[in-house]
């Protein structure tokens, strides 16, 4: 098999998101839920959706407010 053929058939590397769905995370910056409620930095939530191969996440919070917010990966840490 030629180099050109191998290169053509090569699969692109799969991108693994930093946090898989159902991971518990802590937000590093204040955020706002989809309903407009403030969520303070340090709040913990659960990843319910992964966007753009892990560039952003939909996080569901139960405390101190109940709701979901879209958070960039750089604003999250493992809890």
C-alpha atoms as a PDB file:
ATOM      1  CA  UNK A   1       0.000   0.000   0.000  1.00  0.00           C
ATOM      2  CA  UNK A   2       1.395   3.376  -0.951  1.00  0.00           C
ATOM      3  CA  UNK A   3       1.936   6.231   1.456  1.00  0.00           C
ATOM      4  CA  UNK A   4      -0.740   8.280  -0.335  1.00  0.00           C
ATOM      5  CA  UNK A   5      -3.299   5.499   0.097  1.00  0.00           C
ATOM      6  CA  UNK A   6      -2.447   5.023   3.781  1.00  0.00           C
ATOM      7  CA  UNK A   7      -2.758   8.766   4.371  1.00  0.00           C
ATOM      8  CA  UNK A   8      -6.118   8.861   2.584  1.00  0.00           C
ATOM      9  CA  UNK A   9      -7.518   5.925   4.577  1.00  0.00           C
ATOM     10  CA  UNK A  10      -6.216   7.127   7.924  1.00  0.00           C
ATOM     11  CA  UNK A  11      -8.941   8.001  10.397  1.00  0.00           C
ATOM     12  CA  UNK A  12      -8.922  11.406  11.994  1.00  0.00           C
ATOM     13  CA  UNK A  13      -8.109  11.227  15.692  1.00  0.00           C
ATOM     14  CA  UNK A  14     -11.184  11.239  17.865  1.00  0.00           C
ATOM     15  CA  UNK A  15     -11.586  14.185  20.175  1.00  0.00           C
ATOM     16  CA  UNK A  16     -12.358  13.209  23.735  1.00  0.00           C
ATOM     17  CA  UNK A  17     -14.132  15.909  25.734  1.00  0.00           C
ATOM     18  CA  UNK A  18     -12.521  16.975  28.984  1.00  0.00           C
ATOM     19  CA  UNK A  19     -15.684  16.039  30.895  1.00  0.00           C
ATOM     20  CA  UNK A  20     -18.058  13.259  29.760  1.00  0.00           C
ATOM     21  CA  UNK A  21     -21.802  13.511  30.301  1.00  0.00           C
ATOM     22  CA  UNK A  22     -22.940  13.063  33.928  1.00  0.00           C
ATOM     23  CA  UNK A  23     -19.621  14.341  35.315  1.00  0.00           C
ATOM     24  CA  UNK A  24     -19.909  16.491  38.425  1.00  0.00           C
ATOM     25  CA  UNK A  25     -18.142  19.823  37.915  1.00  0.00           C
ATOM     26  CA  UNK A  26     -17.588  23.118  39.693  1.00  0.00           C
ATOM     27  CA  UNK A  27     -17.834  26.441  37.884  1.00  0.00           C
ATOM     28  CA  UNK A  28     -14.894  28.802  38.255  1.00  0.00           C
ATOM     29  CA  UNK A  29     -16.771  32.005  37.355  1.00  0.00           C
ATOM     30  CA  UNK A  30     -20.190  33.408  38.066  1.00  0.00           C
ATOM     31  CA  UNK A  31     -22.746  32.297  35.469  1.00  0.00           C
ATOM     32  CA  UNK A  32     -26.394  32.810  34.595  1.00  0.00           C
ATOM     33  CA  UNK A  33     -28.921  30.019  34.036  1.00  0.00           C
ATOM     34  CA  UNK A  34     -31.029  29.817  30.895  1.00  0.00           C
ATOM     35  CA  UNK A  35     -33.830  31.366  32.995  1.00  0.00           C
ATOM     36  CA  UNK A  36     -31.656  34.350  33.993  1.00  0.00           C
ATOM     37  CA  UNK A  37     -30.887  33.259  37.569  1.00  0.00           C
ATOM     38  CA  UNK A  38     -27.358  33.961  38.875  1.00  0.00           C
ATOM     39  CA  UNK A  39     -25.122  30.985  39.729  1.00  0.00           C
ATOM     40  CA  UNK A  40     -22.105  31.918  41.869  1.00  0.00           C
ATOM     41  CA  UNK A  41     -18.572  30.683  41.202  1.00  0.00           C
ATOM     42  CA  UNK A  42     -17.928  27.493  43.151  1.00  0.00           C
ATOM     43  CA  UNK A  43     -21.392  26.039  42.503  1.00  0.00           C
ATOM     44  CA  UNK A  44     -21.423  22.356  41.597  1.00  0.00           C
ATOM     45  CA  UNK A  45     -23.480  20.868  38.827  1.00  0.00           C
ATOM     46  CA  UNK A  46     -23.790  17.893  36.499  1.00  0.00           C
ATOM     47  CA  UNK A  47     -22.867  17.839  32.806  1.00  0.00           C
ATOM     48  CA  UNK A  48     -25.999  16.972  30.825  1.00  0.00           C
ATOM     49  CA  UNK A  49     -24.780  17.827  27.301  1.00  0.00           C
ATOM     50  CA  UNK A  50     -21.406  18.224  25.567  1.00  0.00           C
ATOM     51  CA  UNK A  51     -21.108  20.821  22.771  1.00  0.00           C
ATOM     52  CA  UNK A  52     -18.494  21.124  20.008  1.00  0.00           C
ATOM     53  CA  UNK A  53     -16.347  18.201  21.153  1.00  0.00           C
ATOM     54  CA  UNK A  54     -16.034  19.634  24.645  1.00  0.00           C
ATOM     55  CA  UNK A  55     -15.634  23.356  23.981  1.00  0.00           C
ATOM     56  CA  UNK A  56     -18.762  24.045  26.030  1.00  0.00           C
ATOM     57  CA  UNK A  57     -21.097  22.096  28.293  1.00  0.00           C
ATOM     58  CA  UNK A  58     -24.700  22.275  29.418  1.00  0.00           C
ATOM     59  CA  UNK A  59     -24.538  22.047  33.206  1.00  0.00           C
ATOM     60  CA  UNK A  60     -27.539  21.349  35.428  1.00  0.00           C
ATOM     61  CA  UNK A  61     -27.514  22.887  38.890  1.00  0.00           C
ATOM     62  CA  UNK A  62     -29.666  21.911  41.859  1.00  0.00           C
ATOM     63  CA  UNK A  63     -28.135  24.227  44.434  1.00  0.00           C
ATOM     64  CA  UNK A  64     -27.891  27.168  45.187  1.00  0.00           C
ATOM     65  CA  UNK A  65     -30.344  27.627  42.271  1.00  0.00           C
ATOM     66  CA  UNK A  66     -32.136  25.074  40.131  1.00  0.00           C
ATOM     67  CA  UNK A  67     -31.555  25.367  36.393  1.00  0.00           C
ATOM     68  CA  UNK A  68     -29.210  24.769  33.493  1.00  0.00           C
ATOM     69  CA  UNK A  69     -26.513  26.945  31.957  1.00  0.00           C
ATOM     70  CA  UNK A  70     -24.119  26.646  29.038  1.00  0.00           C
ATOM     71  CA  UNK A  71     -20.563  26.963  30.371  1.00  0.00           C
ATOM     72  CA  UNK A  72     -17.286  27.125  28.420  1.00  0.00           C
ATOM     73  CA  UNK A  73     -14.787  24.367  29.226  1.00  0.00           C
ATOM     74  CA  UNK A  74     -12.247  26.874  30.529  1.00  0.00           C
ATOM     75  CA  UNK A  75     -14.697  27.912  33.271  1.00  0.00           C
ATOM     76  CA  UNK A  76     -15.116  24.369  34.657  1.00  0.00           C
ATOM     77  CA  UNK A  77     -13.128  22.145  37.009  1.00  0.00           C
ATOM     78  CA  UNK A  78     -13.712  18.605  38.203  1.00  0.00           C
ATOM     79  CA  UNK A  79     -15.569  18.555  41.509  1.00  0.00           C
END
